[in-house]
C-alpha atoms as a PDB file:
ATOM      1  CA  MET A   1       1.274  16.669  20.209  1.00  0.00           C
ATOM      2  CA  GLN A   2       0.547  17.411  16.551  1.00  0.00           C
ATOM      3  CA  THR A   3       2.019  14.996  14.011  1.00  0.00           C
ATOM      4  CA  GLU A   4       4.353  16.664  11.539  1.00  0.00           C
ATOM      5  CA  ILE A   5       3.468  16.547   7.844  1.00  0.00           C
ATOM      6  CA  ALA A   6       6.176  14.768   5.849  1.00  0.00           C
ATOM      7  CA  ILE A   7       4.701  15.278   2.367  1.00  0.00           C
ATOM      8  CA  LYS A   8       2.081  17.761   1.240  1.00  0.00           C
ATOM      9  CA  VAL A   9       0.617  17.545  -2.261  1.00  0.00           C
ATOM     10  CA  GLU A  10      -1.664  20.404  -3.343  1.00  0.00           C
ATOM     11  CA  HIS A  11      -3.757  20.412  -6.534  1.00  0.00           C
ATOM     12  CA  LEU A  12      -1.192  18.349  -8.419  1.00  0.00           C
ATOM     13  CA  SER A  13      -1.750  17.889 -12.159  1.00  0.00           C
ATOM     14  CA  LYS A  14       0.297  16.574 -15.064  1.00  0.00           C
ATOM     15  CA  THR A  15      -0.573  16.791 -18.753  1.00  0.00           C
ATOM     16  CA  PHE A  16       1.296  14.988 -21.514  1.00  0.00           C
ATOM     17  CA  THR A  17       0.472  16.633 -24.872  1.00  0.00           C
ATOM     18  CA  ASP A  18      -3.336  16.508 -24.731  1.00  0.00           C
ATOM     19  CA  GLN A  19      -3.698  13.757 -22.115  1.00  0.00           C
ATOM     20  CA  LYS A  20      -4.170  14.559 -18.425  1.00  0.00           C
ATOM     21  CA  ALA A  21      -2.340  11.824 -16.509  1.00  0.00           C
ATOM     22  CA  VAL A  22      -2.876  13.398 -13.071  1.00  0.00           C
ATOM     23  CA  ASP A  23      -5.883  15.599 -12.403  1.00  0.00           C
ATOM     24  CA  ASP A  24      -5.958  18.000  -9.417  1.00  0.00           C
ATOM     25  CA  ILE A  25      -4.829  15.608  -6.671  1.00  0.00           C
ATOM     26  CA  SER A  26      -4.239  16.713  -3.070  1.00  0.00           C
ATOM     27  CA  PHE A  27      -3.180  14.703   0.001  1.00  0.00           C
ATOM     28  CA  THR A  28      -0.750  14.713   2.913  1.00  0.00           C
ATOM     29  CA  VAL A  29       1.545  12.041   4.322  1.00  0.00           C
ATOM     30  CA  LYS A  30       2.160  12.127   8.061  1.00  0.00           C
ATOM     31  CA  GLN A  31       5.484  11.584   9.756  1.00  0.00           C
ATOM     32  CA  GLY A  32       6.055   7.946  10.715  1.00  0.00           C
ATOM     33  CA  GLU A  33       3.191   6.434   8.715  1.00  0.00           C
ATOM     34  CA  VAL A  34       3.041   4.026   5.797  1.00  0.00           C
ATOM     35  CA  PHE A  35       1.050   5.707   3.048  1.00  0.00           C
ATOM     36  CA  GLY A  36      -0.137   3.471   0.224  1.00  0.00           C
ATOM     37  CA  LEU A  37      -0.955   4.688  -3.291  1.00  0.00           C
ATOM     38  CA  LEU A  38      -3.272   2.266  -5.100  1.00  0.00           C
ATOM     39  CA  GLY A  39      -4.755   2.247  -8.558  1.00  0.00           C
ATOM     40  CA  PRO A  40      -5.049   0.131 -11.705  1.00  0.00           C
ATOM     41  CA  ASN A  41      -2.376   0.203 -14.405  1.00  0.00           C
ATOM     42  CA  GLY A  42      -2.318   3.602 -16.056  1.00  0.00           C
ATOM     43  CA  ALA A  43      -4.080   5.310 -13.156  1.00  0.00           C
ATOM     44  CA  GLY A  44      -1.219   7.781 -12.612  1.00  0.00           C
ATOM     45  CA  LYS A  45       0.628   6.203  -9.657  1.00  0.00           C
ATOM     46  CA  THR A  46       4.091   6.275 -11.206  1.00  0.00           C
ATOM     47  CA  THR A  47       3.574   9.786 -12.576  1.00  0.00           C
ATOM     48  CA  ILE A  48       2.643  11.045  -9.093  1.00  0.00           C
ATOM     49  CA  LEU A  49       5.650   9.287  -7.541  1.00  0.00           C
ATOM     50  CA  ARG A  50       8.020  10.748 -10.141  1.00  0.00           C
ATOM     51  CA  MET A  51       6.707  14.262  -9.532  1.00  0.00           C
ATOM     52  CA  ILE A  52       7.022  13.966  -5.751  1.00  0.00           C
ATOM     53  CA  THR A  53      10.588  12.652  -6.053  1.00  0.00           C
ATOM     54  CA  THR A  54      11.586  15.527  -8.404  1.00  0.00           C
ATOM     55  CA  LEU A  55      12.077  13.239 -11.441  1.00  0.00           C
ATOM     56  CA  LEU A  56       9.218  14.903 -13.334  1.00  0.00           C
ATOM     57  CA  LYS A  57       7.948  18.486 -13.308  1.00  0.00           C
ATOM     58  CA  PRO A  58       4.246  19.002 -12.538  1.00  0.00           C
ATOM     59  CA  THR A  59       2.065  20.921 -14.966  1.00  0.00           C
ATOM     60  CA  ASP A  60       0.246  22.500 -12.019  1.00  0.00           C
ATOM     61  CA  GLY A  61       0.235  22.233  -8.251  1.00  0.00           C
ATOM     62  CA  LYS A  62       2.647  22.323  -5.364  1.00  0.00           C
ATOM     63  CA  ILE A  63       4.629  19.622  -3.535  1.00  0.00           C
ATOM     64  CA  THR A  64       6.480  20.124  -0.271  1.00  0.00           C
ATOM     65  CA  ILE A  65       8.626  17.564   1.545  1.00  0.00           C
ATOM     66  CA  TRP A  66       9.375  18.440   5.160  1.00  0.00           C
ATOM     67  CA  GLY A  67       8.438  22.002   4.226  1.00  0.00           C
ATOM     68  CA  HIS A  68      10.798  22.157   1.226  1.00  0.00           C
ATOM     69  CA  ASN A  69       9.157  23.120  -2.057  1.00  0.00           C
ATOM     70  CA  VAL A  70      10.370  20.517  -4.565  1.00  0.00           C
ATOM     71  CA  LYS A  71      10.315  23.118  -7.342  1.00  0.00           C
ATOM     72  CA  THR A  72      12.429  25.797  -5.649  1.00  0.00           C
ATOM     73  CA  GLU A  73      14.329  23.667  -3.095  1.00  0.00           C
ATOM     74  CA  SER A  74      14.743  20.396  -4.972  1.00  0.00           C
ATOM     75  CA  LYS A  75      18.210  19.645  -3.594  1.00  0.00           C
ATOM     76  CA  LEU A  76      17.065  20.064   0.011  1.00  0.00           C
ATOM     77  CA  ALA A  77      13.946  17.997  -0.660  1.00  0.00           C
ATOM     78  CA  ARG A  78      15.972  15.167  -2.263  1.00  0.00           C
ATOM     79  CA  SER A  79      18.333  15.078   0.711  1.00  0.00           C
ATOM     80  CA  THR A  80      15.464  13.884   2.939  1.00  0.00           C
ATOM     81  CA  PHE A  81      14.363  10.783   1.013  1.00  0.00           C
ATOM     82  CA  GLY A  82      15.482   7.544  -0.570  1.00  0.00           C
ATOM     83  CA  LEU A  83      13.855   5.918  -3.596  1.00  0.00           C
ATOM     84  CA  THR A  84      13.620   2.228  -4.415  1.00  0.00           C
ATOM     85  CA  GLY A  85      12.238   1.595  -7.893  1.00  0.00           C
ATOM     86  CA  GLN A  86      10.555  -1.454  -9.364  1.00  0.00           C
ATOM     87  CA  TYR A  87      13.824  -2.881 -10.650  1.00  0.00           C
ATOM     88  CA  ALA A  88      17.122  -3.175  -8.819  1.00  0.00           C
ATOM     89  CA  ALA A  89      19.505  -0.357  -9.787  1.00  0.00           C
ATOM     90  CA  VAL A  90      22.623  -2.394  -9.053  1.00  0.00           C
ATOM     91  CA  ASP A  91      25.673  -3.486 -11.058  1.00  0.00           C
ATOM     92  CA  GLU A  92      25.293  -7.240 -11.535  1.00  0.00           C
ATOM     93  CA  ASP A  93      28.962  -7.765 -12.390  1.00  0.00           C
ATOM     94  CA  ILE A  94      30.193  -6.854  -8.912  1.00  0.00           C
ATOM     95  CA  SER A  95      29.332  -7.898  -5.364  1.00  0.00           C
ATOM     96  CA  ALA A  96      26.792  -6.511  -2.904  1.00  0.00           C
ATOM     97  CA  ARG A  97      29.603  -5.075  -0.813  1.00  0.00           C
ATOM     98  CA  GLU A  98      31.129  -3.310  -3.816  1.00  0.00           C
ATOM     99  CA  ASN A  99      27.740  -1.912  -4.862  1.00  0.00           C
ATOM    100  CA  LEU A 100      27.120  -0.509  -1.400  1.00  0.00           C
ATOM    101  CA  LEU A 101      30.630   0.993  -1.211  1.00  0.00           C
ATOM    102  CA  ILE A 102      30.215   2.686  -4.600  1.00  0.00           C
ATOM    103  CA  PHE A 103      26.800   4.135  -3.766  1.00  0.00           C
ATOM    104  CA  SER A 104      28.057   5.261  -0.351  1.00  0.00           C
ATOM    105  CA  ARG A 105      30.873   7.194  -1.992  1.00  0.00           C
ATOM    106  CA  LEU A 106      28.464   8.651  -4.579  1.00  0.00           C
ATOM    107  CA  ASN A 107      26.328   9.861  -1.672  1.00  0.00           C
ATOM    108  CA  GLY A 108      29.285  11.780  -0.276  1.00  0.00           C
ATOM    109  CA  LEU A 109      30.473   9.467   2.506  1.00  0.00           C
ATOM    110  CA  SER A 110      34.195   9.219   3.202  1.00  0.00           C
ATOM    111  CA  ILE A 111      36.046   5.948   2.522  1.00  0.00           C
ATOM    112  CA  LYS A 112      35.994   5.102   6.230  1.00  0.00           C
ATOM    113  CA  MET A 113      32.302   5.926   6.656  1.00  0.00           C
ATOM    114  CA  SER A 114      31.430   4.087   3.428  1.00  0.00           C
ATOM    115  CA  LYS A 115      32.992   0.890   4.758  1.00  0.00           C
ATOM    116  CA  LEU A 116      31.247   1.302   8.107  1.00  0.00           C
ATOM    117  CA  ARG A 117      27.828   2.002   6.540  1.00  0.00           C
ATOM    118  CA  THR A 118      28.242  -0.902   4.122  1.00  0.00           C
ATOM    119  CA  ASP A 119      28.904  -3.321   6.976  1.00  0.00           C
ATOM    120  CA  GLU A 120      25.890  -1.964   8.879  1.00  0.00           C
ATOM    121  CA  LEU A 121      23.544  -2.418   5.932  1.00  0.00           C
ATOM    122  CA  LEU A 122      24.820  -5.886   5.018  1.00  0.00           C
ATOM    123  CA  LYS A 123      24.074  -6.979   8.585  1.00  0.00           C
ATOM    124  CA  GLU A 124      20.729  -5.158   8.779  1.00  0.00           C
ATOM    125  CA  PHE A 125      19.453  -6.808   5.578  1.00  0.00           C
ATOM    126  CA  SER A 126      20.922 -10.274   6.284  1.00  0.00           C
ATOM    127  CA  LEU A 127      23.323 -10.114   3.339  1.00  0.00           C
ATOM    128  CA  GLU A 128      26.582 -10.708   5.232  1.00  0.00           C
ATOM    129  CA  LYS A 129      27.071 -14.298   4.044  1.00  0.00           C
ATOM    130  CA  SER A 130      26.521 -13.259   0.422  1.00  0.00           C
ATOM    131  CA  ALA A 131      28.290  -9.905   0.626  1.00  0.00           C
ATOM    132  CA  ASP A 132      31.133 -10.854  -1.704  1.00  0.00           C
ATOM    133  CA  LYS A 133      29.148 -12.870  -4.228  1.00  0.00           C
ATOM    134  CA  SER A 134      28.350 -11.515  -7.678  1.00  0.00           C
ATOM    135  CA  ILE A 135      24.855 -10.015  -7.875  1.00  0.00           C
ATOM    136  CA  LYS A 136      24.194 -12.442 -10.734  1.00  0.00           C
ATOM    137  CA  GLU A 137      24.054 -15.189  -8.105  1.00  0.00           C
ATOM    138  CA  PHE A 138      21.433 -13.387  -6.018  1.00  0.00           C
ATOM    139  CA  SER A 139      17.789 -14.443  -5.795  1.00  0.00           C
ATOM    140  CA  GLY A 140      15.037 -11.919  -6.514  1.00  0.00           C
ATOM    141  CA  GLY A 141      14.476 -11.343  -2.811  1.00  0.00           C
ATOM    142  CA  MET A 142      18.173 -10.723  -2.145  1.00  0.00           C
ATOM    143  CA  ARG A 143      18.300  -8.210  -4.997  1.00  0.00           C
ATOM    144  CA  ARG A 144      15.308  -6.326  -3.601  1.00  0.00           C
ATOM    145  CA  ARG A 145      16.857  -6.246  -0.121  1.00  0.00           C
ATOM    146  CA  LEU A 146      20.099  -4.898  -1.586  1.00  0.00           C
ATOM    147  CA  ASP A 147      18.253  -2.235  -3.578  1.00  0.00           C
ATOM    148  CA  LEU A 148      16.404  -1.155  -0.438  1.00  0.00           C
ATOM    149  CA  ALA A 149      19.684  -1.110   1.502  1.00  0.00           C
ATOM    150  CA  ILE A 150      21.210   1.199  -1.123  1.00  0.00           C
ATOM    151  CA  SER A 151      18.303   3.637  -0.781  1.00  0.00           C
ATOM    152  CA  LEU A 152      18.962   3.782   2.988  1.00  0.00           C
ATOM    153  CA  ILE A 153      22.661   4.642   2.851  1.00  0.00           C
ATOM    154  CA  THR A 154      22.070   8.238   3.930  1.00  0.00           C
ATOM    155  CA  ARG A 155      19.431   7.264   6.534  1.00  0.00           C
ATOM    156  CA  PRO A 156      16.647   9.220   4.789  1.00  0.00           C
ATOM    157  CA  LYS A 157      13.603  10.352   6.752  1.00  0.00           C
ATOM    158  CA  ILE A 158      11.264   9.249   3.937  1.00  0.00           C
ATOM    159  CA  ILE A 159      11.525   6.081   1.853  1.00  0.00           C
ATOM    160  CA  PHE A 160       9.665   5.833  -1.447  1.00  0.00           C
ATOM    161  CA  LEU A 161       8.957   2.223  -2.407  1.00  0.00           C
ATOM    162  CA  ASP A 162       7.677   1.702  -5.943  1.00  0.00           C
ATOM    163  CA  GLU A 163       6.240  -1.836  -6.237  1.00  0.00           C
ATOM    164  CA  PRO A 164       8.809  -3.176  -3.708  1.00  0.00           C
ATOM    165  CA  THR A 165       7.798  -6.843  -3.906  1.00  0.00           C
ATOM    166  CA  THR A 166       7.011  -7.203  -7.617  1.00  0.00           C
ATOM    167  CA  GLY A 167       8.059 -10.643  -8.840  1.00  0.00           C
ATOM    168  CA  LEU A 168       8.832 -12.037  -5.396  1.00  0.00           C
ATOM    169  CA  ASP A 169       7.494 -15.342  -4.121  1.00  0.00           C
ATOM    170  CA  PRO A 170       5.060 -15.205  -1.138  1.00  0.00           C
ATOM    171  CA  ARG A 171       7.704 -16.155   1.435  1.00  0.00           C
ATOM    172  CA  THR A 172      10.192 -13.519   0.267  1.00  0.00           C
ATOM    173  CA  ARG A 173       7.396 -10.958   0.020  1.00  0.00           C
ATOM    174  CA  THR A 174       6.539 -11.590   3.677  1.00  0.00           C
ATOM    175  CA  GLN A 175      10.205 -11.123   4.609  1.00  0.00           C
ATOM    176  CA  MET A 176      10.205  -7.775   2.810  1.00  0.00           C
ATOM    177  CA  TRP A 177       7.083  -6.769   4.726  1.00  0.00           C
ATOM    178  CA  ASP A 178       8.921  -7.507   7.973  1.00  0.00           C
ATOM    179  CA  THR A 179      11.828  -5.358   6.787  1.00  0.00           C
ATOM    180  CA  ILE A 180       9.488  -2.470   5.949  1.00  0.00           C
ATOM    181  CA  ARG A 181       7.757  -2.761   9.353  1.00  0.00           C
ATOM    182  CA  ALA A 182      11.177  -2.618  11.033  1.00  0.00           C
ATOM    183  CA  LEU A 183      12.012   0.594   9.145  1.00  0.00           C
ATOM    184  CA  VAL A 184       8.789   2.203  10.365  1.00  0.00           C
ATOM    185  CA  LYS A 185       9.484   1.028  13.907  1.00  0.00           C
ATOM    186  CA  HIS A 186      12.794   2.880  13.765  1.00  0.00           C
ATOM    187  CA  GLY A 187      11.133   6.113  12.656  1.00  0.00           C
ATOM    188  CA  SER A 188      10.982   6.012   8.856  1.00  0.00           C
ATOM    189  CA  THR A 189       8.059   7.395   6.870  1.00  0.00           C
ATOM    190  CA  ILE A 190       7.094   5.111   3.975  1.00  0.00           C
ATOM    191  CA  PHE A 191       5.387   6.087   0.711  1.00  0.00           C
ATOM    192  CA  LEU A 192       4.339   2.866  -1.022  1.00  0.00           C
ATOM    193  CA  THR A 193       2.935   2.079  -4.439  1.00  0.00           C
ATOM    194  CA  THR A 194       1.895  -1.507  -4.973  1.00  0.00           C
ATOM    195  CA  GLN A 195      -0.112  -3.763  -7.237  1.00  0.00           C
ATOM    196  CA  TYR A 196      -0.726  -6.159  -4.342  1.00  0.00           C
ATOM    197  CA  LEU A 197      -3.767  -5.003  -2.396  1.00  0.00           C
ATOM    198  CA  GLU A 198      -2.965  -7.489   0.355  1.00  0.00           C
ATOM    199  CA  GLU A 199       0.357  -5.686   0.747  1.00  0.00           C
ATOM    200  CA  ALA A 200      -1.312  -2.320   1.285  1.00  0.00           C
ATOM    201  CA  ASP A 201      -3.822  -3.918   3.658  1.00  0.00           C
ATOM    202  CA  ASN A 202      -0.991  -5.380   5.738  1.00  0.00           C
ATOM    203  CA  LEU A 203       1.384  -2.421   5.715  1.00  0.00           C
ATOM    204  CA  ALA A 204      -0.413   0.872   5.110  1.00  0.00           C
ATOM    205  CA  ASP A 205      -1.786   3.133   7.827  1.00  0.00           C
ATOM    206  CA  ARG A 206      -3.699   5.015   5.129  1.00  0.00           C
ATOM    207  CA  VAL A 207      -4.290   4.425   1.443  1.00  0.00           C
ATOM    208  CA  ALA A 208      -5.233   6.683  -1.441  1.00  0.00           C
ATOM    209  CA  VAL A 209      -7.109   5.075  -4.339  1.00  0.00           C
ATOM    210  CA  ILE A 210      -6.659   6.795  -7.689  1.00  0.00           C
ATOM    211  CA  ASP A 211      -8.141   6.037 -11.098  1.00  0.00           C
ATOM    212  CA  HIS A 212      -7.808   7.858 -14.417  1.00  0.00           C
ATOM    213  CA  GLY A 213      -5.575  10.403 -12.712  1.00  0.00           C
ATOM    214  CA  LYS A 214      -8.170  11.373 -10.097  1.00  0.00           C
ATOM    215  CA  LEU A 215      -8.219  10.766  -6.361  1.00  0.00           C
ATOM    216  CA  ILE A 216     -11.213   8.512  -5.696  1.00  0.00           C
ATOM    217  CA  LYS A 217     -10.919   7.849  -1.961  1.00  0.00           C
ATOM    218  CA  ILE A 218      -8.460   8.183   0.913  1.00  0.00           C
ATOM    219  CA  GLY A 219      -8.506   6.688   4.403  1.00  0.00           C
ATOM    220  CA  THR A 220      -7.362   3.799   6.570  1.00  0.00           C
ATOM    221  CA  PRO A 221      -7.833   0.320   5.080  1.00  0.00           C
ATOM    222  CA  LYS A 222     -10.416  -0.396   7.788  1.00  0.00           C
ATOM    223  CA  ASP A 223     -12.389   2.789   7.089  1.00  0.00           C
ATOM    224  CA  LEU A 224     -12.411   2.125   3.352  1.00  0.00           C
ATOM    225  CA  LYS A 225     -13.541  -1.453   3.873  1.00  0.00           C
ATOM    226  CA  ASP A 226     -16.269  -0.381   6.294  1.00  0.00           C
ATOM    227  CA  GLU A 227     -17.468   2.385   3.986  1.00  0.00           C
ATOM    228  CA  THR A 228     -17.154   0.759   0.573  1.00  0.00           C
ATOM    229  CA  GLY A 229     -16.746  -2.987   0.922  1.00  0.00           C
ATOM    230  CA  GLU A 230     -19.595  -5.370   1.703  1.00  0.00           C
ATOM    231  CA  SER A 231     -19.386  -8.184   4.239  1.00  0.00           C
ATOM    232  CA  THR A 232     -21.036 -11.533   3.540  1.00  0.00           C
ATOM    233  CA  LEU A 233     -23.364 -13.290   6.001  1.00  0.00           C
ATOM    234  CA  SER A 234     -23.871 -17.004   5.512  1.00  0.00           C
ATOM    235  CA  LEU A 235     -26.174 -19.179   7.609  1.00  0.00           C
ATOM    236  CA  ASP A 236     -28.083 -22.454   7.444  1.00  0.00           C
ATOM    237  CA  ILE A 237     -31.796 -22.634   8.269  1.00  0.00           C
ATOM    238  CA  VAL A 238     -32.534 -25.752  10.338  1.00  0.00           C
ATOM    239  CA  ASN A 239     -36.157 -26.105   9.169  1.00  0.00           C
ATOM    240  CA  SER A 240     -36.527 -25.639   5.386  1.00  0.00           C
ATOM    241  CA  LYS A 241     -40.104 -24.366   5.917  1.00  0.00           C
ATOM    242  CA  ASP A 242     -38.611 -21.279   7.590  1.00  0.00           C
ATOM    243  CA  ILE A 243     -36.467 -20.303   4.594  1.00  0.00           C
ATOM    244  CA  PRO A 244     -39.017 -17.942   2.918  1.00  0.00           C
ATOM    245  CA  HIS A 245     -39.670 -16.099   6.199  1.00  0.00           C
ATOM    246  CA  ALA A 246     -35.952 -15.910   7.005  1.00  0.00           C
ATOM    247  CA  SER A 247     -35.139 -14.649   3.516  1.00  0.00           C
ATOM    248  CA  ALA A 248     -37.773 -11.925   3.794  1.00  0.00           C
ATOM    249  CA  ILE A 249     -36.369 -10.749   7.156  1.00  0.00           C
ATOM    250  CA  LEU A 250     -32.793 -10.726   5.807  1.00  0.00           C
ATOM    251  CA  GLN A 251     -33.700  -8.871   2.638  1.00  0.00           C
ATOM    252  CA  LYS A 252     -35.735  -6.245   4.463  1.00  0.00           C
ATOM    253  CA  GLU A 253     -33.105  -5.532   7.117  1.00  0.00           C
ATOM    254  CA  LEU A 254     -29.935  -5.847   5.026  1.00  0.00           C
ATOM    255  CA  GLY A 255     -31.281  -4.296   1.834  1.00  0.00           C
ATOM    256  CA  SER A 256     -29.860  -6.820  -0.595  1.00  0.00           C
ATOM    257  CA  GLU A 257     -31.039  -9.931  -2.416  1.00  0.00           C
ATOM    258  CA  PRO A 258     -30.318 -13.212  -0.565  1.00  0.00           C
ATOM    259  CA  LEU A 259     -28.801 -16.144  -2.430  1.00  0.00           C
ATOM    260  CA  LEU A 260     -30.339 -19.537  -1.600  1.00  0.00           C
ATOM    261  CA  ILE A 261     -28.216 -22.705  -1.724  1.00  0.00           C
ATOM    262  CA  ASN A 262     -30.239 -25.677  -0.421  1.00  0.00           C
ATOM    263  CA  ASN A 263     -30.964 -24.718   3.201  1.00  0.00           C
ATOM    264  CA  SER A 264     -28.256 -22.032   3.249  1.00  0.00           C
ATOM    265  CA  ILE A 265     -28.753 -18.303   2.803  1.00  0.00           C
ATOM    266  CA  VAL A 266     -25.908 -16.038   1.692  1.00  0.00           C
ATOM    267  CA  ILE A 267     -26.409 -12.257   1.706  1.00  0.00           C
ATOM    268  CA  LYS A 268     -24.308  -9.085   1.527  1.00  0.00           C
ATOM    269  CA  PHE A 269     -24.466  -6.298   4.107  1.00  0.00           C
ATOM    270  CA  LYS A 270     -22.665  -3.045   4.890  1.00  0.00           C
ATOM    271  CA  LYS A 271     -22.510  -2.530   8.652  1.00  0.00           C
ATOM    272  CA  SER A 272     -21.895  -4.993  11.482  1.00  0.00           C
ATOM    273  CA  GLU A 273     -24.831  -3.495  13.416  1.00  0.00           C
ATOM    274  CA  GLN A 274     -27.147  -4.756  10.663  1.00  0.00           C
ATOM    275  CA  ALA A 275     -26.010  -8.338  11.164  1.00  0.00           C
ATOM    276  CA  ILE A 276     -26.596  -8.116  14.916  1.00  0.00           C
ATOM    277  CA  THR A 277     -30.098  -6.711  14.373  1.00  0.00           C
ATOM    278  CA  VAL A 278     -31.132  -9.305  11.811  1.00  0.00           C
ATOM    279  CA  LEU A 279     -29.907 -12.223  13.941  1.00  0.00           C
ATOM    280  CA  SER A 280     -31.976 -10.884  16.827  1.00  0.00           C
ATOM    281  CA  GLN A 281     -35.045 -10.727  14.567  1.00  0.00           C
ATOM    282  CA  LEU A 282     -34.519 -14.296  13.360  1.00  0.00           C
ATOM    283  CA  ASN A 283     -34.346 -15.397  16.990  1.00  0.00           C
ATOM    284  CA  ASN A 284     -37.557 -13.498  17.841  1.00  0.00           C
ATOM    285  CA  ALA A 285     -39.261 -15.199  14.891  1.00  0.00           C
ATOM    286  CA  LYS A 286     -38.286 -18.618  16.351  1.00  0.00           C
ATOM    287  CA  ILE A 287     -36.199 -19.409  13.261  1.00  0.00           C
ATOM    288  CA  ASN A 288     -33.379 -21.766  14.191  1.00  0.00           C
ATOM    289  CA  ILE A 289     -30.080 -21.257  12.391  1.00  0.00           C
ATOM    290  CA  THR A 290     -26.706 -23.019  12.338  1.00  0.00           C
ATOM    291  CA  ASN A 291     -23.299 -22.764  10.640  1.00  0.00           C
ATOM    292  CA  LEU A 292     -23.288 -18.989  10.920  1.00  0.00           C
ATOM    293  CA  SER A 293     -20.275 -17.227   9.355  1.00  0.00           C
ATOM    294  CA  VAL A 294     -19.371 -13.651   8.472  1.00  0.00           C
ATOM    295  CA  GLN A 295     -16.726 -12.830   5.855  1.00  0.00           C
ATOM    296  CA  GLN A 296     -15.265  -9.343   6.120  1.00  0.00           C
ATOM    297  CA  PRO A 297     -14.601  -7.318   2.949  1.00  0.00           C
ATOM    298  CA  SER A 298     -11.034  -7.208   1.673  1.00  0.00           C
ATOM    299  CA  LEU A 299      -9.180  -4.253   0.216  1.00  0.00           C
ATOM    300  CA  ASP A 300      -9.612  -6.025  -3.125  1.00  0.00           C
ATOM    301  CA  ASP A 301     -13.384  -5.586  -2.737  1.00  0.00           C
ATOM    302  CA  VAL A 302     -12.907  -1.888  -1.979  1.00  0.00           C
ATOM    303  CA  PHE A 303     -10.569  -1.449  -4.929  1.00  0.00           C
ATOM    304  CA  MET A 304     -13.005  -3.093  -7.318  1.00  0.00           C
ATOM    305  CA  ALA A 305     -15.960  -1.106  -5.972  1.00  0.00           C
ATOM    306  CA  LEU A 306     -14.116   2.188  -6.354  1.00  0.00           C
ATOM    307  CA  THR A 307     -12.423   1.690  -9.720  1.00  0.00           C
ATOM    308  CA  VAL A 308     -14.357  -0.757 -11.898  1.00  0.00           C
ATOM    309  CA  GLY A 309     -16.571   1.067 -14.345  1.00  0.00           C
ATOM    310  CA  LYS A 310     -15.398   4.533 -13.272  1.00  0.00           C
ATOM    311  CA  ASN A 311     -14.825   7.125 -15.960  1.00  0.00           C
END
């Protein structure tokens, strides 16, 4: 069964005066996946998000959401998604319940349905005990959960999350991750921008890395790490006399310069098969090793490799 395309972006560009903020970007987002958009500050992430969500008109290109052209069918396209921005769009002088009731009515729900949907969302986001407190009394995590709840009033098929855990402590951030995973489990498609690479690594099925308005790379976190990031092999040589021979074998097979720390050798490598081969060669050479460890590349490594120094 072929997976339906939720979002299709074709040759998208945006120019402000004489500056090209987004330069000929194309990608698709599949139904039911978490798609992460990564890039340094000023890379064009927010501009892309605003164009997809109909808040900004593209200079060139085409965007379709569930087959609806956002330029000619903007109302239909907007009816399929919810948007949670970087900062909570709530009224701090009233309660969570009152905020949800107001937004429910603004979204066209009847008084009866607004009350019902409000109760559902307060329970779903563990806000029942604080439902009638002023938003001013809410923690950062509670505010973010409320903002996300508001974006889900109409049960949208796509949820756009712009920096959803900015400013949250690690524990609350993890709770938000659990909430996002639960949304996906129940059929939502998530489009995520984030400054936390660990967040994308934990949540995203695929990520697109952009820099200076251009699409640099797209793929699963694992594929990007395997292709771009470098793993680190660290091992101790039992007999110090074997270090020169061991270093020569490692450098020849792994293609990088080994770092020597006392009797330890640390070296970078690309593919796991290389590590297996080189360990076999060390064994054949009768070189005894100990304290062997392999550190996998992180998405941070990939991000740095793809964006640092790019023009």
